[in-house]
Amino acid sequence: VLKLNAVGNREWDRYYTFPFDAFFTSVRPTPEGGFIVSGYYITVGTSSKALLIKLGLDGKVTATFAYGSSSCPSETAFGAQNLVGGGYLFSLGLCNGASDSVARIDASGAILWQRAPANVFEAAISPTLDGGYVAAGQAGTMLVVKANASGALPECLQNGTPDLVRVDPPPVVVTAVAGPIENTFTQPNPIAVTASPAHLTTQFTCNP
């Protein structure tokens, strides 16, 4: 994980070493000034567990959470983000031909709910002002799904209840990168961008 300042100069970078191969998919800031990292780690063969790592402002680990399920041997976490009022929202990757799912956990890592919008693949999620969330992904064509604060969806978009469970996270060793900071950059001059208006066609094929 590499931390840059406002003009692109490196402030710190750290390595996170696990007993198994691990991969990070996203890093997002938290309100208290730290970061939440999404990813996964390999267990046996191609099996994997979803992994979330909470970092302090200096990049040191403050908490780790891991999740798996019996129906999906290869879980992957994407796009975890801190929610107003505490806890995190994140998506879980495609598994065995099923659609992506969305999960919400509290600040301690306990699972509050998990939902699987039907046929939503490669989902990107974001919280909404009313406490719910929107998930955008592919369903043959592009699809945006809106859920309420408990993750409830229109009945025709529900894909059953996934069986996400919390598992023991792997130990992690944090190492600061040695050597002087190199490759400094200056902030570029602003550039002008002209955008054409977007044209959207909306379709809703089931009752909300």
N, C-alpha and C. Protein backbone atom coordinates (compact mmCIF):
# COMPACT_ATOMS: atom_id res chain seq x y z
N VAL A 1 0.86 -1.18 0.00
CA VAL A 1 0.00 0.00 0.00
C VAL A 1 0.89 1.23 0.00
N LEU A 2 0.59 2.14 -0.91
CA LEU A 2 1.40 3.34 -1.10
C LEU A 2 0.56 4.56 -0.77
N LYS A 3 1.06 5.45 0.09
CA LYS A 3 0.35 6.67 0.49
C LYS A 3 1.05 7.87 -0.15
N LEU A 4 0.27 8.66 -0.91
CA LEU A 4 0.78 9.86 -1.56
C LEU A 4 0.14 11.10 -0.94
N ASN A 5 0.86 12.22 -1.02
CA ASN A 5 0.25 13.46 -0.55
C ASN A 5 -0.52 14.13 -1.68
N ALA A 6 -1.01 15.34 -1.44
CA ALA A 6 -1.91 15.99 -2.39
C ALA A 6 -1.25 16.30 -3.73
N VAL A 7 0.07 16.40 -3.78
CA VAL A 7 0.75 16.71 -5.04
C VAL A 7 1.41 15.47 -5.64
N GLY A 8 1.11 14.29 -5.07
CA GLY A 8 1.60 13.05 -5.67
C GLY A 8 2.93 12.56 -5.15
N ASN A 9 3.49 13.20 -4.12
CA ASN A 9 4.74 12.72 -3.55
C ASN A 9 4.48 11.64 -2.51
N ARG A 10 5.32 10.65 -2.47
CA ARG A 10 5.13 9.51 -1.58
C ARG A 10 5.39 9.90 -0.13
N GLU A 11 4.46 9.54 0.76
CA GLU A 11 4.64 9.76 2.19
C GLU A 11 5.13 8.48 2.87
N TRP A 12 4.55 7.34 2.51
CA TRP A 12 5.01 6.06 3.04
C TRP A 12 4.52 4.93 2.15
N ASP A 13 5.18 3.80 2.22
CA ASP A 13 4.65 2.58 1.62
C ASP A 13 5.04 1.40 2.51
N ARG A 14 4.14 0.41 2.55
CA ARG A 14 4.33 -0.74 3.44
C ARG A 14 3.98 -2.03 2.72
N TYR A 15 4.70 -3.08 3.10
CA TYR A 15 4.39 -4.42 2.64
C TYR A 15 3.60 -5.15 3.73
N TYR A 16 2.64 -5.99 3.30
CA TYR A 16 1.85 -6.79 4.22
C TYR A 16 2.05 -8.25 3.83
N THR A 17 2.70 -9.01 4.70
CA THR A 17 3.09 -10.38 4.40
C THR A 17 2.21 -11.36 5.15
N PHE A 18 1.70 -12.39 4.44
CA PHE A 18 0.80 -13.39 5.00
C PHE A 18 1.41 -14.78 4.84
N PRO A 19 0.88 -15.76 5.59
CA PRO A 19 1.35 -17.14 5.41
C PRO A 19 0.99 -17.70 4.03
N PHE A 20 -0.03 -17.10 3.37
CA PHE A 20 -0.46 -17.55 2.05
C PHE A 20 -0.38 -16.37 1.09
N ASP A 21 -0.49 -16.65 -0.20
CA ASP A 21 -0.56 -15.57 -1.17
C ASP A 21 -1.80 -14.72 -0.90
N ALA A 22 -1.63 -13.41 -0.93
CA ALA A 22 -2.75 -12.49 -0.70
C ALA A 22 -2.73 -11.41 -1.76
N PHE A 23 -3.92 -10.89 -2.07
CA PHE A 23 -4.06 -9.89 -3.12
C PHE A 23 -5.03 -8.81 -2.65
N PHE A 24 -4.69 -7.55 -2.92
CA PHE A 24 -5.56 -6.43 -2.57
C PHE A 24 -6.29 -5.95 -3.81
N THR A 25 -7.58 -5.63 -3.66
CA THR A 25 -8.39 -5.16 -4.78
C THR A 25 -8.75 -3.69 -4.69
N SER A 26 -8.73 -3.11 -3.48
CA SER A 26 -9.05 -1.68 -3.35
C SER A 26 -8.58 -1.17 -1.99
N VAL A 27 -8.34 0.14 -1.93
CA VAL A 27 -8.01 0.83 -0.69
C VAL A 27 -8.85 2.10 -0.64
N ARG A 28 -9.58 2.29 0.46
CA ARG A 28 -10.42 3.49 0.58
C ARG A 28 -10.22 4.12 1.95
N PRO A 29 -10.34 5.46 2.03
CA PRO A 29 -10.16 6.15 3.32
C PRO A 29 -11.33 5.92 4.26
N THR A 30 -11.07 6.03 5.56
CA THR A 30 -12.10 5.97 6.58
C THR A 30 -12.21 7.34 7.24
N PRO A 31 -13.35 7.66 7.87
CA PRO A 31 -13.55 9.00 8.45
C PRO A 31 -12.53 9.38 9.50
N GLU A 32 -11.99 8.40 10.23
CA GLU A 32 -11.04 8.73 11.29
C GLU A 32 -9.62 8.95 10.76
N GLY A 33 -9.44 8.88 9.44
CA GLY A 33 -8.15 9.19 8.86
C GLY A 33 -7.34 7.98 8.45
N GLY A 34 -7.85 6.77 8.68
CA GLY A 34 -7.14 5.57 8.25
C GLY A 34 -7.65 5.07 6.92
N PHE A 35 -7.55 3.76 6.71
CA PHE A 35 -7.92 3.17 5.43
C PHE A 35 -8.53 1.79 5.65
N ILE A 36 -9.38 1.36 4.74
CA ILE A 36 -9.90 0.00 4.73
C ILE A 36 -9.50 -0.65 3.41
N VAL A 37 -8.85 -1.79 3.50
CA VAL A 37 -8.31 -2.50 2.33
C VAL A 37 -9.15 -3.74 2.08
N SER A 38 -9.55 -3.96 0.83
CA SER A 38 -10.28 -5.16 0.43
C SER A 38 -9.35 -6.10 -0.31
N GLY A 39 -9.68 -7.40 -0.29
CA GLY A 39 -8.89 -8.35 -1.06
C GLY A 39 -9.24 -9.78 -0.72
N TYR A 40 -8.28 -10.67 -0.88
CA TYR A 40 -8.49 -12.08 -0.58
C TYR A 40 -7.14 -12.75 -0.37
N TYR A 41 -7.18 -13.93 0.25
CA TYR A 41 -5.96 -14.71 0.40
C TYR A 41 -6.25 -16.16 0.04
N ILE A 42 -5.26 -16.81 -0.53
CA ILE A 42 -5.38 -18.19 -0.98
C ILE A 42 -5.26 -19.13 0.23
N THR A 43 -6.14 -20.12 0.30
CA THR A 43 -6.05 -21.10 1.38
C THR A 43 -5.43 -22.39 0.85
N VAL A 44 -6.19 -23.17 0.06
CA VAL A 44 -5.68 -24.42 -0.52
C VAL A 44 -6.03 -24.42 -2.00
N GLY A 45 -5.03 -24.69 -2.85
CA GLY A 45 -5.28 -24.73 -4.29
C GLY A 45 -5.77 -23.38 -4.79
N THR A 46 -6.97 -23.36 -5.38
CA THR A 46 -7.55 -22.11 -5.86
C THR A 46 -8.58 -21.55 -4.90
N SER A 47 -8.76 -22.19 -3.76
CA SER A 47 -9.73 -21.69 -2.78
C SER A 47 -9.19 -20.43 -2.11
N SER A 48 -10.11 -19.53 -1.78
CA SER A 48 -9.69 -18.27 -1.16
C SER A 48 -10.76 -17.78 -0.20
N LYS A 49 -10.35 -16.87 0.67
CA LYS A 49 -11.25 -16.21 1.62
C LYS A 49 -11.20 -14.71 1.38
N ALA A 50 -12.36 -14.06 1.55
CA ALA A 50 -12.41 -12.61 1.45
C ALA A 50 -11.66 -12.00 2.64
N LEU A 51 -10.96 -10.91 2.40
CA LEU A 51 -10.10 -10.32 3.41
C LEU A 51 -10.33 -8.80 3.48
N LEU A 52 -10.50 -8.29 4.69
CA LEU A 52 -10.57 -6.85 4.93
C LEU A 52 -9.51 -6.50 5.97
N ILE A 53 -8.76 -5.43 5.71
CA ILE A 53 -7.72 -4.99 6.63
C ILE A 53 -7.96 -3.51 6.94
N LYS A 54 -8.06 -3.19 8.22
CA LYS A 54 -8.21 -1.79 8.63
C LYS A 54 -6.83 -1.24 9.00
N LEU A 55 -6.47 -0.10 8.42
CA LEU A 55 -5.17 0.52 8.64
C LEU A 55 -5.32 1.85 9.36
N GLY A 56 -4.33 2.21 10.15
CA GLY A 56 -4.26 3.54 10.73
C GLY A 56 -3.71 4.52 9.71
N LEU A 57 -3.61 5.78 10.09
CA LEU A 57 -3.11 6.81 9.19
C LEU A 57 -1.69 6.53 8.72
N ASP A 58 -0.91 5.82 9.55
CA ASP A 58 0.48 5.50 9.21
C ASP A 58 0.61 4.19 8.43
N GLY A 59 -0.52 3.53 8.13
CA GLY A 59 -0.47 2.29 7.37
C GLY A 59 -0.31 1.04 8.20
N LYS A 60 -0.26 1.16 9.53
CA LYS A 60 -0.14 -0.02 10.38
C LYS A 60 -1.52 -0.66 10.57
N VAL A 61 -1.53 -1.98 10.68
CA VAL A 61 -2.79 -2.73 10.79
C VAL A 61 -3.41 -2.52 12.18
N THR A 62 -4.69 -2.17 12.20
CA THR A 62 -5.43 -2.04 13.45
C THR A 62 -6.47 -3.15 13.62
N ALA A 63 -6.90 -3.79 12.53
CA ALA A 63 -7.85 -4.90 12.61
C ALA A 63 -7.83 -5.66 11.30
N THR A 64 -8.11 -6.96 11.35
CA THR A 64 -8.25 -7.78 10.14
C THR A 64 -9.50 -8.64 10.28
N PHE A 65 -10.22 -8.80 9.17
CA PHE A 65 -11.42 -9.63 9.12
C PHE A 65 -11.34 -10.53 7.90
N ALA A 66 -11.85 -11.75 8.02
CA ALA A 66 -11.86 -12.68 6.90
C ALA A 66 -13.21 -13.39 6.86
N TYR A 67 -13.65 -13.73 5.62
CA TYR A 67 -14.97 -14.32 5.43
C TYR A 67 -14.92 -15.39 4.35
N GLY A 68 -15.72 -16.43 4.55
CA GLY A 68 -15.83 -17.49 3.56
C GLY A 68 -17.25 -18.02 3.55
N SER A 69 -17.50 -19.04 2.73
CA SER A 69 -18.82 -19.67 2.69
C SER A 69 -18.68 -21.08 2.15
N SER A 70 -19.65 -21.94 2.50
CA SER A 70 -19.60 -23.32 2.04
C SER A 70 -20.00 -23.44 0.58
N SER A 71 -20.82 -22.49 0.09
CA SER A 71 -21.28 -22.56 -1.29
C SER A 71 -20.29 -21.96 -2.28
N CYS A 72 -19.34 -21.19 -1.78
CA CYS A 72 -18.36 -20.55 -2.66
C CYS A 72 -16.96 -20.76 -2.11
N PRO A 73 -16.14 -21.60 -2.73
CA PRO A 73 -14.80 -21.84 -2.21
C PRO A 73 -13.82 -20.70 -2.48
N SER A 74 -14.23 -19.72 -3.29
CA SER A 74 -13.29 -18.66 -3.69
C SER A 74 -13.93 -17.30 -3.50
N GLU A 75 -13.97 -16.83 -2.27
CA GLU A 75 -14.53 -15.52 -1.97
C GLU A 75 -13.48 -14.43 -2.17
N THR A 76 -13.91 -13.28 -2.67
CA THR A 76 -13.05 -12.11 -2.86
C THR A 76 -13.82 -10.86 -2.47
N ALA A 77 -13.22 -9.99 -1.69
CA ALA A 77 -13.86 -8.74 -1.28
C ALA A 77 -13.42 -7.60 -2.20
N PHE A 78 -14.38 -6.74 -2.55
CA PHE A 78 -14.11 -5.59 -3.40
C PHE A 78 -14.73 -4.32 -2.78
N GLY A 79 -14.03 -3.21 -2.89
CA GLY A 79 -14.62 -1.90 -2.66
C GLY A 79 -15.16 -1.63 -1.28
N ALA A 80 -14.57 -2.21 -0.22
CA ALA A 80 -15.06 -1.96 1.13
C ALA A 80 -14.98 -0.48 1.46
N GLN A 81 -16.02 0.03 2.14
CA GLN A 81 -16.04 1.43 2.54
C GLN A 81 -16.75 1.59 3.86
N ASN A 82 -16.27 2.58 4.62
CA ASN A 82 -16.83 2.88 5.92
C ASN A 82 -18.20 3.54 5.77
N LEU A 83 -19.13 3.21 6.66
CA LEU A 83 -20.48 3.76 6.60
C LEU A 83 -20.70 4.75 7.72
N VAL A 84 -21.56 5.73 7.48
CA VAL A 84 -21.97 6.66 8.53
C VAL A 84 -22.64 5.85 9.63
N GLY A 85 -22.23 6.07 10.87
CA GLY A 85 -22.77 5.29 11.97
C GLY A 85 -21.96 4.05 12.29
N GLY A 86 -20.89 3.80 11.53
CA GLY A 86 -20.02 2.68 11.83
C GLY A 86 -20.27 1.47 10.94
N GLY A 87 -19.28 0.62 10.87
CA GLY A 87 -19.37 -0.58 10.06
C GLY A 87 -18.92 -0.35 8.63
N TYR A 88 -18.99 -1.43 7.83
CA TYR A 88 -18.48 -1.38 6.46
C TYR A 88 -19.44 -2.08 5.51
N LEU A 89 -19.39 -1.64 4.28
CA LEU A 89 -20.16 -2.23 3.19
C LEU A 89 -19.16 -2.68 2.12
N PHE A 90 -19.33 -3.89 1.58
CA PHE A 90 -18.41 -4.35 0.54
C PHE A 90 -19.11 -5.37 -0.34
N SER A 91 -18.57 -5.58 -1.53
CA SER A 91 -19.12 -6.58 -2.44
C SER A 91 -18.20 -7.79 -2.46
N LEU A 92 -18.78 -8.93 -2.82
CA LEU A 92 -18.06 -10.20 -2.91
C LEU A 92 -18.12 -10.69 -4.34
N GLY A 93 -17.02 -11.25 -4.81
CA GLY A 93 -16.88 -11.53 -6.23
C GLY A 93 -17.68 -12.70 -6.75
N LEU A 94 -17.75 -12.75 -8.07
CA LEU A 94 -18.43 -13.81 -8.80
C LEU A 94 -17.90 -15.18 -8.39
N CYS A 95 -18.84 -16.14 -8.20
CA CYS A 95 -18.42 -17.47 -7.77
C CYS A 95 -19.35 -18.53 -8.34
N ASN A 96 -18.79 -19.50 -9.04
CA ASN A 96 -19.55 -20.66 -9.54
C ASN A 96 -20.77 -20.27 -10.37
N GLY A 97 -20.64 -19.22 -11.16
CA GLY A 97 -21.74 -18.83 -12.03
C GLY A 97 -22.82 -18.02 -11.34
N ALA A 98 -22.69 -17.75 -10.04
CA ALA A 98 -23.68 -16.95 -9.32
C ALA A 98 -23.31 -15.47 -9.44
N SER A 99 -24.27 -14.60 -9.12
CA SER A 99 -24.01 -13.18 -9.19
C SER A 99 -23.19 -12.72 -7.97
N ASP A 100 -22.67 -11.50 -8.07
CA ASP A 100 -21.98 -10.91 -6.93
C ASP A 100 -22.96 -10.71 -5.79
N SER A 101 -22.44 -10.58 -4.59
CA SER A 101 -23.29 -10.26 -3.45
C SER A 101 -22.72 -9.05 -2.73
N VAL A 102 -23.54 -8.46 -1.87
CA VAL A 102 -23.17 -7.30 -1.08
C VAL A 102 -23.34 -7.65 0.39
N ALA A 103 -22.38 -7.30 1.22
CA ALA A 103 -22.44 -7.61 2.65
C ALA A 103 -22.20 -6.35 3.47
N ARG A 104 -22.84 -6.31 4.62
CA ARG A 104 -22.60 -5.23 5.58
C ARG A 104 -22.15 -5.85 6.89
N ILE A 105 -21.10 -5.28 7.48
CA ILE A 105 -20.60 -5.73 8.78
C ILE A 105 -20.56 -4.54 9.72
N ASP A 106 -20.55 -4.83 11.03
CA ASP A 106 -20.40 -3.74 11.99
C ASP A 106 -18.92 -3.48 12.24
N ALA A 107 -18.63 -2.55 13.15
CA ALA A 107 -17.24 -2.15 13.37
C ALA A 107 -16.39 -3.28 13.93
N SER A 108 -17.02 -4.28 14.56
CA SER A 108 -16.27 -5.41 15.11
C SER A 108 -16.06 -6.52 14.09
N GLY A 109 -16.68 -6.38 12.89
CA GLY A 109 -16.55 -7.40 11.86
C GLY A 109 -17.69 -8.39 11.82
N ALA A 110 -18.67 -8.26 12.73
CA ALA A 110 -19.82 -9.17 12.74
C ALA A 110 -20.69 -8.91 11.51
N ILE A 111 -21.19 -9.97 10.87
CA ILE A 111 -22.02 -9.84 9.67
C ILE A 111 -23.43 -9.40 10.07
N LEU A 112 -23.88 -8.27 9.51
CA LEU A 112 -25.23 -7.79 9.76
C LEU A 112 -26.20 -8.35 8.73
N TRP A 113 -25.79 -8.36 7.46
CA TRP A 113 -26.59 -9.01 6.41
C TRP A 113 -25.73 -9.19 5.16
N GLN A 114 -26.21 -10.08 4.30
CA GLN A 114 -25.61 -10.31 3.00
C GLN A 114 -26.74 -10.50 2.00
N ARG A 115 -26.65 -9.85 0.84
CA ARG A 115 -27.67 -9.96 -0.18
C ARG A 115 -27.00 -10.24 -1.53
N ALA A 116 -27.73 -10.90 -2.42
CA ALA A 116 -27.21 -11.20 -3.75
C ALA A 116 -28.21 -10.74 -4.79
N PRO A 117 -28.08 -9.50 -5.31
CA PRO A 117 -28.98 -9.07 -6.39
C PRO A 117 -28.83 -9.99 -7.59
N ALA A 118 -29.93 -10.46 -8.14
CA ALA A 118 -29.87 -11.42 -9.24
C ALA A 118 -29.16 -10.84 -10.45
N ASN A 119 -28.22 -11.61 -10.98
CA ASN A 119 -27.55 -11.28 -12.25
C ASN A 119 -26.75 -9.99 -12.22
N VAL A 120 -26.29 -9.56 -11.05
CA VAL A 120 -25.42 -8.39 -10.98
C VAL A 120 -23.99 -8.88 -10.84
N PHE A 121 -23.20 -8.67 -11.88
CA PHE A 121 -21.82 -9.12 -11.90
C PHE A 121 -20.86 -7.93 -11.90
N GLU A 122 -19.68 -8.13 -11.32
CA GLU A 122 -18.67 -7.08 -11.22
C GLU A 122 -19.28 -5.84 -10.58
N ALA A 123 -19.93 -6.04 -9.45
CA ALA A 123 -20.69 -4.96 -8.81
C ALA A 123 -19.78 -3.92 -8.17
N ALA A 124 -20.12 -2.66 -8.38
CA ALA A 124 -19.53 -1.54 -7.65
C ALA A 124 -20.64 -0.97 -6.77
N ILE A 125 -20.35 -0.70 -5.50
CA ILE A 125 -21.39 -0.31 -4.57
C ILE A 125 -21.07 1.04 -3.94
N SER A 126 -22.13 1.70 -3.48
CA SER A 126 -21.96 2.97 -2.80
C SER A 126 -23.14 3.18 -1.86
N PRO A 127 -22.90 3.70 -0.63
CA PRO A 127 -24.00 3.99 0.27
C PRO A 127 -24.80 5.19 -0.22
N THR A 128 -26.08 5.27 0.18
CA THR A 128 -26.94 6.38 -0.18
C THR A 128 -27.33 7.16 1.06
N LEU A 129 -27.84 8.37 0.87
CA LEU A 129 -28.13 9.26 1.99
C LEU A 129 -29.24 8.72 2.89
N ASP A 130 -30.10 7.85 2.38
CA ASP A 130 -31.18 7.31 3.19
C ASP A 130 -30.76 6.07 3.98
N GLY A 131 -29.47 5.75 3.97
CA GLY A 131 -28.96 4.61 4.72
C GLY A 131 -28.90 3.32 3.93
N GLY A 132 -29.40 3.31 2.70
CA GLY A 132 -29.33 2.12 1.86
C GLY A 132 -28.07 2.10 1.01
N TYR A 133 -28.15 1.47 -0.15
CA TYR A 133 -27.01 1.44 -1.05
C TYR A 133 -27.49 1.25 -2.47
N VAL A 134 -26.61 1.57 -3.42
CA VAL A 134 -26.83 1.25 -4.82
C VAL A 134 -25.69 0.36 -5.27
N ALA A 135 -26.01 -0.59 -6.12
CA ALA A 135 -25.01 -1.49 -6.71
C ALA A 135 -25.15 -1.43 -8.22
N ALA A 136 -24.05 -1.18 -8.89
CA ALA A 136 -24.05 -1.12 -10.35
C ALA A 136 -23.21 -2.26 -10.88
N GLY A 137 -23.71 -2.93 -11.94
CA GLY A 137 -22.95 -4.03 -12.51
C GLY A 137 -23.53 -4.44 -13.85
N GLN A 138 -23.20 -5.65 -14.25
CA GLN A 138 -23.65 -6.17 -15.54
C GLN A 138 -24.75 -7.20 -15.32
N ALA A 139 -25.74 -7.17 -16.18
CA ALA A 139 -26.79 -8.19 -16.18
C ALA A 139 -27.21 -8.41 -17.63
N GLY A 140 -26.23 -8.77 -18.46
CA GLY A 140 -26.46 -8.78 -19.91
C GLY A 140 -26.24 -7.38 -20.43
N THR A 141 -27.00 -6.41 -19.88
CA THR A 141 -26.73 -4.99 -20.08
C THR A 141 -26.37 -4.42 -18.72
N MET A 142 -26.06 -3.12 -18.67
CA MET A 142 -25.69 -2.51 -17.41
C MET A 142 -26.93 -2.40 -16.52
N LEU A 143 -26.74 -2.56 -15.21
CA LEU A 143 -27.84 -2.57 -14.26
C LEU A 143 -27.45 -1.82 -13.00
N VAL A 144 -28.37 -1.01 -12.48
CA VAL A 144 -28.20 -0.36 -11.18
C VAL A 144 -29.32 -0.85 -10.27
N VAL A 145 -28.97 -1.31 -9.09
CA VAL A 145 -29.92 -1.83 -8.12
C VAL A 145 -29.90 -0.96 -6.88
N LYS A 146 -31.08 -0.59 -6.37
CA LYS A 146 -31.20 0.21 -5.16
C LYS A 146 -31.79 -0.65 -4.04
N ALA A 147 -31.13 -0.65 -2.88
CA ALA A 147 -31.61 -1.41 -1.73
C ALA A 147 -31.78 -0.46 -0.54
N ASN A 148 -32.55 -0.90 0.46
CA ASN A 148 -32.72 -0.07 1.65
C ASN A 148 -31.63 -0.38 2.67
N ALA A 149 -31.75 0.19 3.88
CA ALA A 149 -30.69 0.09 4.88
C ALA A 149 -30.45 -1.34 5.35
N SER A 150 -31.45 -2.20 5.25
CA SER A 150 -31.26 -3.60 5.65
C SER A 150 -30.85 -4.48 4.48
N GLY A 151 -30.60 -3.87 3.32
CA GLY A 151 -30.19 -4.63 2.15
C GLY A 151 -31.32 -5.24 1.37
N ALA A 152 -32.58 -4.91 1.75
CA ALA A 152 -33.73 -5.51 1.08
C ALA A 152 -33.84 -5.01 -0.35
N LEU A 153 -34.21 -5.94 -1.25
CA LEU A 153 -34.31 -5.67 -2.68
C LEU A 153 -35.71 -5.99 -3.17
N PRO A 154 -36.10 -5.45 -4.33
CA PRO A 154 -37.34 -5.94 -4.94
C PRO A 154 -37.29 -7.45 -5.08
N GLU A 155 -38.41 -8.13 -4.85
CA GLU A 155 -38.44 -9.58 -4.79
C GLU A 155 -37.88 -10.23 -6.05
N CYS A 156 -38.15 -9.63 -7.21
CA CYS A 156 -37.70 -10.25 -8.45
C CYS A 156 -36.20 -10.13 -8.65
N LEU A 157 -35.53 -9.29 -7.84
CA LEU A 157 -34.08 -9.15 -7.96
C LEU A 157 -33.33 -9.96 -6.91
N GLN A 158 -34.04 -10.57 -6.00
CA GLN A 158 -33.37 -11.34 -4.97
C GLN A 158 -32.92 -12.68 -5.51
N ASN A 159 -31.77 -13.11 -5.03
CA ASN A 159 -31.14 -14.32 -5.56
C ASN A 159 -30.90 -15.33 -4.45
N GLY A 160 -31.78 -15.33 -3.44
CA GLY A 160 -31.56 -16.23 -2.32
C GLY A 160 -30.66 -15.60 -1.28
N THR A 161 -30.45 -16.30 -0.19
CA THR A 161 -29.62 -15.81 0.91
C THR A 161 -28.28 -16.51 0.89
N PRO A 162 -27.20 -15.83 0.57
CA PRO A 162 -25.87 -16.45 0.58
C PRO A 162 -25.48 -16.85 2.00
N ASP A 163 -24.47 -17.68 2.13
CA ASP A 163 -24.12 -18.23 3.44
C ASP A 163 -22.75 -17.75 3.91
N LEU A 164 -22.54 -16.46 3.87
CA LEU A 164 -21.27 -15.89 4.31
C LEU A 164 -21.08 -16.11 5.81
N VAL A 165 -19.89 -16.53 6.20
CA VAL A 165 -19.56 -16.70 7.61
C VAL A 165 -18.19 -16.08 7.87
N ARG A 166 -18.02 -15.61 9.08
CA ARG A 166 -16.74 -15.05 9.46
C ARG A 166 -15.77 -16.16 9.83
N VAL A 167 -14.54 -16.04 9.40
CA VAL A 167 -13.50 -17.02 9.72
C VAL A 167 -12.32 -16.30 10.34
N ASP A 168 -11.41 -17.07 10.94
CA ASP A 168 -10.23 -16.48 11.57
C ASP A 168 -9.32 -15.88 10.50
N PRO A 169 -8.97 -14.60 10.62
CA PRO A 169 -8.08 -14.00 9.61
C PRO A 169 -6.65 -14.52 9.77
N PRO A 170 -5.89 -14.50 8.71
CA PRO A 170 -4.49 -14.94 8.80
C PRO A 170 -3.65 -13.88 9.51
N PRO A 171 -2.56 -14.31 10.16
CA PRO A 171 -1.66 -13.31 10.74
C PRO A 171 -0.99 -12.50 9.64
N VAL A 172 -0.66 -11.25 9.95
CA VAL A 172 -0.04 -10.37 8.97
C VAL A 172 1.17 -9.69 9.58
N VAL A 173 2.24 -9.60 8.82
CA VAL A 173 3.46 -8.91 9.24
C VAL A 173 3.60 -7.66 8.37
N VAL A 174 3.75 -6.51 9.03
CA VAL A 174 3.83 -5.24 8.31
C VAL A 174 5.28 -4.77 8.29
N THR A 175 5.76 -4.45 7.10
CA THR A 175 7.14 -4.01 6.93
C THR A 175 7.17 -2.70 6.17
N ALA A 176 7.84 -1.70 6.74
CA ALA A 176 8.02 -0.44 6.03
C ALA A 176 9.09 -0.63 4.96
N VAL A 177 8.91 0.00 3.82
CA VAL A 177 9.87 -0.11 2.73
C VAL A 177 11.13 0.65 3.11
N ALA A 178 12.28 -0.01 2.98
CA ALA A 178 13.54 0.61 3.35
C ALA A 178 14.04 1.51 2.23
N GLY A 179 14.92 2.43 2.61
CA GLY A 179 15.55 3.29 1.60
C GLY A 179 14.89 4.65 1.52
N PRO A 180 15.55 5.59 0.83
CA PRO A 180 15.01 6.95 0.73
C PRO A 180 13.78 7.00 -0.17
N ILE A 181 12.97 8.00 0.06
CA ILE A 181 11.81 8.22 -0.80
C ILE A 181 12.29 8.79 -2.12
N GLU A 182 11.83 8.18 -3.20
CA GLU A 182 12.26 8.58 -4.54
C GLU A 182 11.05 8.93 -5.39
N ASN A 183 11.34 9.32 -6.64
CA ASN A 183 10.28 9.56 -7.63
C ASN A 183 9.26 10.59 -7.17
N THR A 184 9.72 11.81 -6.89
CA THR A 184 8.80 12.87 -6.51
C THR A 184 8.20 13.51 -7.76
N PHE A 185 7.00 14.05 -7.60
CA PHE A 185 6.28 14.63 -8.72
C PHE A 185 5.75 16.00 -8.33
N THR A 186 5.58 16.85 -9.31
CA THR A 186 4.94 18.14 -9.07
C THR A 186 3.53 18.08 -9.62
N GLN A 187 2.67 18.89 -9.03
CA GLN A 187 1.27 18.89 -9.43
C GLN A 187 1.14 19.46 -10.84
N PRO A 188 0.44 18.76 -11.75
CA PRO A 188 0.30 19.26 -13.12
C PRO A 188 -0.64 20.46 -13.19
N ASN A 189 -0.49 21.21 -14.25
CA ASN A 189 -1.42 22.32 -14.46
C ASN A 189 -2.80 21.77 -14.77
N PRO A 190 -3.86 22.46 -14.31
CA PRO A 190 -5.22 21.98 -14.62
C PRO A 190 -5.46 21.95 -16.13
N ILE A 191 -6.27 20.99 -16.55
CA ILE A 191 -6.64 20.91 -17.96
C ILE A 191 -8.15 21.04 -18.08
N ALA A 192 -8.59 21.58 -19.19
CA ALA A 192 -10.01 21.76 -19.43
C ALA A 192 -10.58 20.53 -20.11
N VAL A 193 -11.73 20.07 -19.64
CA VAL A 193 -12.39 18.90 -20.20
C VAL A 193 -13.81 19.29 -20.60
N THR A 194 -14.17 18.99 -21.82
CA THR A 194 -15.54 19.23 -22.30
C THR A 194 -16.26 17.90 -22.41
N ALA A 195 -17.40 17.79 -21.73
CA ALA A 195 -18.15 16.54 -21.73
C ALA A 195 -19.49 16.72 -22.42
N SER A 196 -19.86 15.74 -23.23
CA SER A 196 -21.16 15.76 -23.88
C SER A 196 -22.22 15.25 -22.92
N PRO A 197 -23.45 15.76 -23.00
CA PRO A 197 -24.52 15.29 -22.11
C PRO A 197 -24.77 13.79 -22.31
N ALA A 198 -25.04 13.11 -21.20
CA ALA A 198 -25.32 11.68 -21.26
C ALA A 198 -26.80 11.45 -21.56
N HIS A 199 -27.10 10.40 -22.27
CA HIS A 199 -28.47 10.01 -22.57
C HIS A 199 -28.72 8.64 -21.95
N LEU A 200 -29.64 8.59 -21.01
CA LEU A 200 -29.92 7.36 -20.29
C LEU A 200 -31.30 6.84 -20.64
N THR A 201 -31.40 5.54 -20.82
CA THR A 201 -32.68 4.88 -21.01
C THR A 201 -32.92 3.97 -19.81
N THR A 202 -34.03 4.16 -19.11
CA THR A 202 -34.30 3.37 -17.93
C THR A 202 -35.36 2.32 -18.22
N GLN A 203 -35.17 1.16 -17.62
CA GLN A 203 -36.13 0.06 -17.73
C GLN A 203 -36.32 -0.56 -16.36
N PHE A 204 -37.55 -0.89 -16.04
CA PHE A 204 -37.82 -1.59 -14.79
C PHE A 204 -38.80 -2.69 -15.11
N THR A 205 -38.38 -3.94 -14.94
CA THR A 205 -39.18 -5.05 -15.44
C THR A 205 -39.85 -5.85 -14.35
N CYS A 206 -39.80 -5.36 -13.10
CA CYS A 206 -40.51 -6.05 -12.02
C CYS A 206 -41.01 -5.01 -11.04
N ASN A 207 -41.95 -5.39 -10.20
CA ASN A 207 -42.54 -4.46 -9.24
C ASN A 207 -41.59 -4.19 -8.09
N PRO A 208 -41.40 -2.93 -7.69
CA PRO A 208 -40.47 -2.63 -6.59
C PRO A 208 -41.04 -3.11 -5.25
